[in-house]
Protein backbone atom coordinates (compact mmCIF):
# COMPACT_ATOMS: atom_id res chain seq x y z
CA MET A 1 96.00 128.55 86.37
CA LEU A 2 95.18 125.14 85.90
CA PRO A 3 92.31 124.45 83.77
CA SER A 4 89.28 122.87 85.21
CA VAL A 5 88.75 118.67 84.02
CA VAL A 6 85.31 117.57 84.34
CA VAL A 7 85.35 113.72 84.36
CA THR A 8 82.52 112.23 83.84
CA GLY A 9 82.49 108.10 84.28
CA SER A 10 85.88 107.75 84.65
CA ALA A 11 86.65 104.17 86.86
CA TRP A 12 89.85 105.29 88.25
CA THR A 13 90.96 105.23 92.14
CA PHE A 14 93.38 106.68 94.27
CA LEU A 15 95.29 103.49 95.28
CA THR A 16 96.11 100.99 93.08
CA ASN A 17 95.43 97.19 92.53
CA HIS A 18 98.67 96.09 94.44
CA ALA A 19 97.72 98.45 97.19
CA HIS A 20 94.06 96.78 97.31
CA VAL A 21 95.27 93.33 97.42
CA LEU A 22 97.84 93.78 100.31
CA LEU A 23 95.03 95.68 102.27
CA CYS A 24 92.96 92.71 101.88
CA ILE A 25 95.90 90.73 102.71
CA ALA A 26 96.27 92.41 106.17
CA ALA A 27 92.81 92.52 106.67
CA ASP A 28 92.80 88.41 106.41
CA PRO A 29 95.89 86.72 105.96
CA ASP A 30 94.04 83.68 105.29
CA ILE A 31 92.54 84.98 102.51
CA ARG A 32 91.80 82.97 99.28
CA LEU A 33 93.01 84.51 96.11
CA ARG A 34 89.61 83.96 94.64
CA ASP A 35 87.82 86.46 97.27
CA ILE A 36 90.79 88.90 96.96
CA ALA A 37 90.27 89.37 93.09
CA THR A 38 86.32 89.39 93.82
CA ARG A 39 87.14 92.36 96.37
CA VAL A 40 89.38 94.29 94.13
CA ARG A 41 87.31 93.05 91.41
CA ILE A 42 90.36 91.92 89.11
CA THR A 43 90.75 88.18 88.04
CA GLU A 44 92.07 86.12 89.98
CA ARG A 45 95.16 85.36 87.49
CA ALA A 46 96.09 89.11 88.01
CA ALA A 47 95.39 88.52 91.84
CA GLN A 48 98.05 85.56 91.76
CA LYS A 49 100.59 87.64 89.98
CA ILE A 50 99.99 90.74 92.42
CA VAL A 51 100.80 88.50 95.37
CA ALA A 52 103.78 86.93 93.35
CA ASP A 53 104.85 90.91 93.05
CA LEU A 54 104.43 91.85 96.88
CA ALA A 55 106.07 88.51 97.69
CA SER A 56 109.25 88.80 95.63
CA ASP A 57 109.47 92.22 96.54
CA GLY A 58 109.31 91.64 100.22
CA TYR A 59 106.12 93.24 101.23
CA VAL A 60 104.49 89.86 102.04
CA SER A 61 105.62 86.07 102.51
CA VAL A 62 103.41 83.37 101.75
CA THR A 63 103.58 79.86 103.71
CA ARG A 64 101.50 77.05 102.59
CA VAL A 65 99.45 75.92 105.37
CA GLY A 66 97.68 72.30 103.99
CA ARG A 67 96.15 73.52 100.89
CA ARG A 68 95.79 76.76 101.41
CA ASN A 69 98.47 79.47 101.52
CA GLN A 70 98.69 81.82 104.57
CA TYR A 71 99.78 85.50 103.95
CA ARG A 72 102.01 87.80 106.57
CA ILE A 73 102.51 91.55 105.97
CA VAL A 74 106.30 92.07 106.34
CA PRO A 75 106.74 95.02 108.11
CA GLY A 76 109.35 98.09 107.08
CA GLY A 77 108.34 98.01 104.02
CA ARG A 78 108.38 101.30 102.47
CA PHE A 79 106.53 102.61 99.40
CA ARG A 80 108.68 102.21 95.65
CA HIS A 81 107.62 105.71 94.06
CA PRO A 82 110.65 108.44 95.01
CA LEU A 83 107.82 110.80 96.07
CA GLU A 84 106.47 108.58 98.99
CA SER A 85 109.51 106.10 99.36
CA GLN A 86 110.51 108.43 103.23
CA HIS A 87 106.73 106.41 104.22
CA GLU A 88 106.35 102.83 105.25
CA VAL A 89 103.68 100.89 103.50
CA SER A 90 102.80 100.12 107.39
CA GLU A 91 100.95 103.56 107.29
CA LEU A 92 98.71 103.08 104.63
CA LEU A 93 97.51 99.91 106.55
CA ASP A 94 96.88 101.92 109.24
CA LEU A 95 94.86 104.60 107.77
CA PHE A 96 92.68 101.50 106.80
CA ALA A 97 92.92 99.17 109.11
CA ASP A 98 89.59 99.92 110.91
CA ASP A 99 87.52 99.91 107.59
CA ASP A 100 85.96 96.49 106.64
CA PRO A 101 85.98 95.97 103.22
CA PRO A 102 82.30 95.91 102.07
CA ASP A 103 80.95 92.62 100.26
CA THR A 104 81.38 92.49 96.51
CA PRO A 105 77.89 91.41 94.90
CA ALA A 106 78.53 88.90 92.23
CA THR A 107 78.08 89.95 88.55
């Protein structure tokens, strides 16, 4: 039997920042890095790094449109961890597709 663990005040979540960024892009392909950072509650530099990771590994394509970027989710990408590798990332996106992310108040 596993011991019960009570965690108080912990800030962990089930999804990684990479998943949160991907969900933001899926919801709004024209989203700015600044807005991604605000919604995910990370720095703009961290958002930029995560988008670069997602693009370099083929999950997202980035197209420059004027002075802004436009993002597109590349279909068919699979989860990287062996436990989930039989699933496509699109399954995660479908799971959250109807959820409208709440506006994050400025702190």
